[in-house]
Amino acid sequence: MFRRFTALLALIACISANGAETDWLPIEREVKELVASKDVTIVHFWAPWCGNCIVEQKDDGWANFIAANPRVRFVFIEAWNDGKDSRDSLAKFNIGAQPNLTLLVDPRPRRGEERMRTFIGLPVTWLPSTWVFRDGRLSYALNHGEVRFPILQQLVEDAGADW
């Protein structure tokens, strides 16, 4: 497992170093500015049709996590949904009104050649995906429904620690 994680980080570093910012969409430029903060920022990709995304939202999982971390900035990006804005889906799980949360919609289609495959130069291979940033650098990436809130809390604390 550790080898896979290390290989993923190496891949991310390679892609990040080779990413062409001139090709980025406005939403990517906006997120890049948001994650540049010295504070920890979590970028979460989701879709209203995604079963794993819904499981994470149930029992107010994300709502409680966001409320428990007021010093963390959260950016929820609706992806692979043809540019639709489904804030009402999040509202059902008490997500949306938090002051430390930004909701964005990726305009690209769900399928086809124009589908989002990278975002700010990093690969997006599955939903949900959750990235933890600090100082503009990716600290951790969780994909394919791997978010367990106690583990994510530890990652937030580790990313925010002064080493």
C-alpha atoms as a PDB file:
ATOM      1  CA  MET A   1       0.000   0.000   0.000  1.00  0.00           C
ATOM      2  CA  PHE A   2       2.812   2.416   0.898  1.00  0.00           C
ATOM      3  CA  ARG A   3       4.491   1.704  -2.441  1.00  0.00           C
ATOM      4  CA  ARG A   4       1.298   2.574  -4.312  1.00  0.00           C
ATOM      5  CA  PHE A   5       0.967   5.790  -2.324  1.00  0.00           C
ATOM      6  CA  THR A   6       4.594   6.723  -3.030  1.00  0.00           C
ATOM      7  CA  ALA A   7       4.145   5.944  -6.725  1.00  0.00           C
ATOM      8  CA  LEU A   8       1.013   8.118  -6.805  1.00  0.00           C
ATOM      9  CA  LEU A   9       2.864  11.029  -5.231  1.00  0.00           C
ATOM     10  CA  ALA A  10       5.690  10.661  -7.768  1.00  0.00           C
ATOM     11  CA  LEU A  11       3.151  10.663 -10.611  1.00  0.00           C
ATOM     12  CA  ILE A  12       1.432  13.719  -9.205  1.00  0.00           C
ATOM     13  CA  ALA A  13       4.740  15.562  -8.874  1.00  0.00           C
ATOM     14  CA  CYS A  14       5.631  14.721 -12.468  1.00  0.00           C
ATOM     15  CA  ILE A  15       2.281  15.798 -13.853  1.00  0.00           C
ATOM     16  CA  SER A  16       2.272  18.927 -11.706  1.00  0.00           C
ATOM     17  CA  ALA A  17       5.719  19.935 -12.932  1.00  0.00           C
ATOM     18  CA  ASN A  18       4.622  19.443 -16.547  1.00  0.00           C
ATOM     19  CA  GLY A  19       1.162  21.040 -16.275  1.00  0.00           C
ATOM     20  CA  ALA A  20       0.533  23.839 -18.767  1.00  0.00           C
ATOM     21  CA  GLU A  21      -1.172  26.595 -16.800  1.00  0.00           C
ATOM     22  CA  THR A  22      -1.931  28.436 -20.020  1.00  0.00           C
ATOM     23  CA  ASP A  23      -4.396  25.659 -20.873  1.00  0.00           C
ATOM     24  CA  TRP A  24      -6.240  25.880 -17.557  1.00  0.00           C
ATOM     25  CA  LEU A  25      -9.872  26.880 -17.303  1.00  0.00           C
ATOM     26  CA  PRO A  26     -10.850  29.896 -15.160  1.00  0.00           C
ATOM     27  CA  ILE A  27     -12.099  27.536 -12.427  1.00  0.00           C
ATOM     28  CA  GLU A  28      -8.625  25.967 -12.248  1.00  0.00           C
ATOM     29  CA  ARG A  29      -6.957  29.357 -11.912  1.00  0.00           C
ATOM     30  CA  GLU A  30      -9.416  30.259  -9.145  1.00  0.00           C
ATOM     31  CA  VAL A  31      -8.690  27.050  -7.228  1.00  0.00           C
ATOM     32  CA  LYS A  32      -4.943  27.500  -7.675  1.00  0.00           C
ATOM     33  CA  GLU A  33      -5.269  30.899  -5.960  1.00  0.00           C
ATOM     34  CA  LEU A  34      -7.386  29.432  -3.162  1.00  0.00           C
ATOM     35  CA  VAL A  35      -4.939  26.623  -2.379  1.00  0.00           C
ATOM     36  CA  ALA A  36      -1.994  29.039  -2.302  1.00  0.00           C
ATOM     37  CA  SER A  37      -3.011  30.009   1.232  1.00  0.00           C
ATOM     38  CA  LYS A  38      -0.757  29.241   4.187  1.00  0.00           C
ATOM     39  CA  ASP A  39      -3.824  27.647   5.751  1.00  0.00           C
ATOM     40  CA  VAL A  40      -4.837  24.088   4.967  1.00  0.00           C
ATOM     41  CA  THR A  41      -7.254  23.871   2.046  1.00  0.00           C
ATOM     42  CA  ILE A  42      -9.270  20.797   1.113  1.00  0.00           C
ATOM     43  CA  VAL A  43     -10.409  20.429  -2.493  1.00  0.00           C
ATOM     44  CA  HIS A  44     -13.189  17.857  -2.857  1.00  0.00           C
ATOM     45  CA  PHE A  45     -14.498  16.617  -6.210  1.00  0.00           C
ATOM     46  CA  TRP A  46     -18.013  15.194  -6.190  1.00  0.00           C
ATOM     47  CA  ALA A  47     -21.112  14.620  -8.329  1.00  0.00           C
ATOM     48  CA  PRO A  48     -24.782  14.245  -7.326  1.00  0.00           C
ATOM     49  CA  TRP A  49     -25.074  10.947  -9.241  1.00  0.00           C
ATOM     50  CA  CYS A  50     -22.021   9.377  -7.547  1.00  0.00           C
ATOM     51  CA  GLY A  51     -22.911   6.721  -4.961  1.00  0.00           C
ATOM     52  CA  ASN A  52     -19.611   7.062  -3.074  1.00  0.00           C
ATOM     53  CA  CYS A  53     -20.077  10.837  -2.897  1.00  0.00           C
ATOM     54  CA  ILE A  54     -23.539  10.411  -1.407  1.00  0.00           C
ATOM     55  CA  VAL A  55     -22.272   7.935   1.199  1.00  0.00           C
ATOM     56  CA  GLU A  56     -19.700  10.510   2.358  1.00  0.00           C
ATOM     57  CA  GLN A  57     -22.425  13.144   2.697  1.00  0.00           C
ATOM     58  CA  LYS A  58     -24.859  10.981   4.675  1.00  0.00           C
ATOM     59  CA  ASP A  59     -25.229  11.441   8.420  1.00  0.00           C
ATOM     60  CA  ASP A  60     -23.925  14.989   7.896  1.00  0.00           C
ATOM     61  CA  GLY A  61     -20.399  13.571   7.473  1.00  0.00           C
ATOM     62  CA  TRP A  62     -19.010  16.455   5.449  1.00  0.00           C
ATOM     63  CA  ALA A  63     -21.178  19.069   7.179  1.00  0.00           C
ATOM     64  CA  ASN A  64     -19.875  18.011  10.589  1.00  0.00           C
ATOM     65  CA  PHE A  65     -16.289  17.820   9.352  1.00  0.00           C
ATOM     66  CA  ILE A  66     -16.442  21.310   7.851  1.00  0.00           C
ATOM     67  CA  ALA A  67     -17.978  22.710  11.057  1.00  0.00           C
ATOM     68  CA  ALA A  68     -15.304  21.010  13.189  1.00  0.00           C
ATOM     69  CA  ASN A  69     -12.530  22.631  11.126  1.00  0.00           C
ATOM     70  CA  PRO A  70     -13.324  26.358  10.877  1.00  0.00           C
ATOM     71  CA  ARG A  71      -9.678  27.265  10.120  1.00  0.00           C
ATOM     72  CA  VAL A  72      -9.607  24.957   7.094  1.00  0.00           C
ATOM     73  CA  ARG A  73     -10.793  26.243   3.734  1.00  0.00           C
ATOM     74  CA  PHE A  74     -12.989  23.803   1.795  1.00  0.00           C
ATOM     75  CA  VAL A  75     -13.563  23.890  -1.953  1.00  0.00           C
ATOM     76  CA  PHE A  76     -16.225  21.513  -3.281  1.00  0.00           C
ATOM     77  CA  ILE A  77     -16.075  21.084  -7.041  1.00  0.00           C
ATOM     78  CA  GLU A  78     -18.976  19.472  -8.815  1.00  0.00           C
ATOM     79  CA  ALA A  79     -17.373  17.454 -11.604  1.00  0.00           C
ATOM     80  CA  TRP A  80     -18.362  15.164 -14.446  1.00  0.00           C
ATOM     81  CA  ASN A  81     -21.907  16.512 -14.450  1.00  0.00           C
ATOM     82  CA  ASP A  82     -22.066  18.474 -17.713  1.00  0.00           C
ATOM     83  CA  GLY A  83     -21.556  21.807 -15.963  1.00  0.00           C
ATOM     84  CA  LYS A  84     -24.763  21.515 -13.930  1.00  0.00           C
ATOM     85  CA  ASP A  85     -24.961  23.237 -10.565  1.00  0.00           C
ATOM     86  CA  SER A  86     -26.449  20.848  -8.015  1.00  0.00           C
ATOM     87  CA  ARG A  87     -26.134  22.873  -4.820  1.00  0.00           C
ATOM     88  CA  ASP A  88     -29.582  21.628  -3.873  1.00  0.00           C
ATOM     89  CA  SER A  89     -28.141  18.100  -3.632  1.00  0.00           C
ATOM     90  CA  LEU A  90     -25.548  19.318  -1.128  1.00  0.00           C
ATOM     91  CA  ALA A  91     -28.138  21.319   0.799  1.00  0.00           C
ATOM     92  CA  LYS A  92     -29.991  18.088   1.576  1.00  0.00           C
ATOM     93  CA  PHE A  93     -26.927  17.108   3.594  1.00  0.00           C
ATOM     94  CA  ASN A  94     -26.508  20.539   5.248  1.00  0.00           C
ATOM     95  CA  ILE A  95     -23.605  21.516   3.006  1.00  0.00           C
ATOM     96  CA  GLY A  96     -23.401  24.936   1.415  1.00  0.00           C
ATOM     97  CA  ALA A  97     -23.909  27.695   3.959  1.00  0.00           C
ATOM     98  CA  GLN A  98     -20.605  27.249   5.816  1.00  0.00           C
ATOM     99  CA  PRO A  99     -18.424  30.395   5.762  1.00  0.00           C
ATOM    100  CA  ASN A 100     -15.254  28.372   5.096  1.00  0.00           C
ATOM    101  CA  LEU A 101     -16.750  26.583   2.068  1.00  0.00           C
ATOM    102  CA  THR A 102     -16.596  27.549  -1.594  1.00  0.00           C
ATOM    103  CA  LEU A 103     -18.823  25.710  -4.085  1.00  0.00           C
ATOM    104  CA  LEU A 104     -17.689  25.548  -7.709  1.00  0.00           C
ATOM    105  CA  VAL A 105     -18.865  23.745 -10.844  1.00  0.00           C
ATOM    106  CA  ASP A 106     -16.501  22.362 -13.463  1.00  0.00           C
ATOM    107  CA  PRO A 107     -18.064  23.166 -16.851  1.00  0.00           C
ATOM    108  CA  ARG A 108     -16.762  20.115 -18.706  1.00  0.00           C
ATOM    109  CA  PRO A 109     -18.964  17.208 -19.801  1.00  0.00           C
ATOM    110  CA  ARG A 110     -19.366  13.927 -17.982  1.00  0.00           C
ATOM    111  CA  ARG A 111     -18.171  11.860 -20.921  1.00  0.00           C
ATOM    112  CA  GLY A 112     -16.085  12.188 -24.053  1.00  0.00           C
ATOM    113  CA  GLU A 113     -12.803  13.764 -25.030  1.00  0.00           C
ATOM    114  CA  GLU A 114     -13.549  17.050 -23.234  1.00  0.00           C
ATOM    115  CA  ARG A 115     -14.130  15.319 -19.875  1.00  0.00           C
ATOM    116  CA  MET A 116     -11.952  16.540 -17.028  1.00  0.00           C
ATOM    117  CA  ARG A 117      -8.948  14.247 -16.697  1.00  0.00           C
ATOM    118  CA  THR A 118      -6.699  16.684 -14.891  1.00  0.00           C
ATOM    119  CA  PHE A 119      -7.299  19.689 -12.695  1.00  0.00           C
ATOM    120  CA  ILE A 120      -4.561  22.257 -11.973  1.00  0.00           C
ATOM    121  CA  GLY A 121      -2.191  19.802 -13.609  1.00  0.00           C
ATOM    122  CA  LEU A 122      -3.092  16.895 -11.315  1.00  0.00           C
ATOM    123  CA  PRO A 123      -4.931  13.724 -12.398  1.00  0.00           C
ATOM    124  CA  VAL A 124      -8.606  13.264 -11.584  1.00  0.00           C
ATOM    125  CA  THR A 125      -9.387   9.607 -12.102  1.00  0.00           C
ATOM    126  CA  TRP A 126     -12.426   8.952  -9.924  1.00  0.00           C
ATOM    127  CA  LEU A 127     -15.121  10.557  -7.824  1.00  0.00           C
ATOM    128  CA  PRO A 128     -15.071  11.379  -5.049  1.00  0.00           C
ATOM    129  CA  SER A 129     -11.521  12.653  -4.812  1.00  0.00           C
ATOM    130  CA  THR A 130     -10.243  14.731  -1.922  1.00  0.00           C
ATOM    131  CA  TRP A 131      -6.994  16.695  -1.964  1.00  0.00           C
ATOM    132  CA  VAL A 132      -5.317  18.403   1.002  1.00  0.00           C
ATOM    133  CA  PHE A 133      -3.160  21.460   0.227  1.00  0.00           C
ATOM    134  CA  ARG A 134      -1.022  23.875   2.195  1.00  0.00           C
ATOM    135  CA  ASP A 135       1.072  26.730   0.802  1.00  0.00           C
ATOM    136  CA  GLY A 136      -0.036  25.824  -2.721  1.00  0.00           C
ATOM    137  CA  ARG A 137       1.385  22.327  -2.504  1.00  0.00           C
ATOM    138  CA  LEU A 138      -0.525  19.083  -2.508  1.00  0.00           C
ATOM    139  CA  SER A 139       0.073  17.266   0.777  1.00  0.00           C
ATOM    140  CA  TYR A 140      -2.333  14.333   0.395  1.00  0.00           C
ATOM    141  CA  ALA A 141      -4.697  12.910  -2.232  1.00  0.00           C
ATOM    142  CA  LEU A 142      -7.519  10.465  -1.502  1.00  0.00           C
ATOM    143  CA  ASN A 143      -9.506   8.898  -4.303  1.00  0.00           C
ATOM    144  CA  HIS A 144     -12.389   6.517  -4.948  1.00  0.00           C
ATOM    145  CA  GLY A 145     -14.376   6.989  -1.786  1.00  0.00           C
ATOM    146  CA  GLU A 146     -11.411   6.564   0.523  1.00  0.00           C
ATOM    147  CA  VAL A 147     -12.378   9.419   2.828  1.00  0.00           C
ATOM    148  CA  ARG A 148     -12.858   8.361   6.405  1.00  0.00           C
ATOM    149  CA  PHE A 149     -13.241  11.470   8.487  1.00  0.00           C
ATOM    150  CA  PRO A 150     -10.933  10.453  11.376  1.00  0.00           C
ATOM    151  CA  ILE A 151      -8.191   9.760   8.837  1.00  0.00           C
ATOM    152  CA  LEU A 152      -8.896  13.011   6.996  1.00  0.00           C
ATOM    153  CA  GLN A 153      -8.720  14.857  10.331  1.00  0.00           C
ATOM    154  CA  GLN A 154      -5.258  13.397  10.910  1.00  0.00           C
ATOM    155  CA  LEU A 155      -4.165  14.457   7.421  1.00  0.00           C
ATOM    156  CA  VAL A 156      -5.434  17.998   8.046  1.00  0.00           C
ATOM    157  CA  GLU A 157      -3.489  18.157  11.297  1.00  0.00           C
ATOM    158  CA  ASP A 158      -0.357  16.768   9.648  1.00  0.00           C
ATOM    159  CA  ALA A 159      -0.611  19.189   6.720  1.00  0.00           C
ATOM    160  CA  GLY A 160      -1.031  22.110   9.124  1.00  0.00           C
ATOM    161  CA  ALA A 161       1.854  21.144  11.394  1.00  0.00           C
ATOM    162  CA  ASP A 162       5.128  23.016  11.292  1.00  0.00           C
ATOM    163  CA  TRP A 163       7.863  20.523  10.564  1.00  0.00           C
END
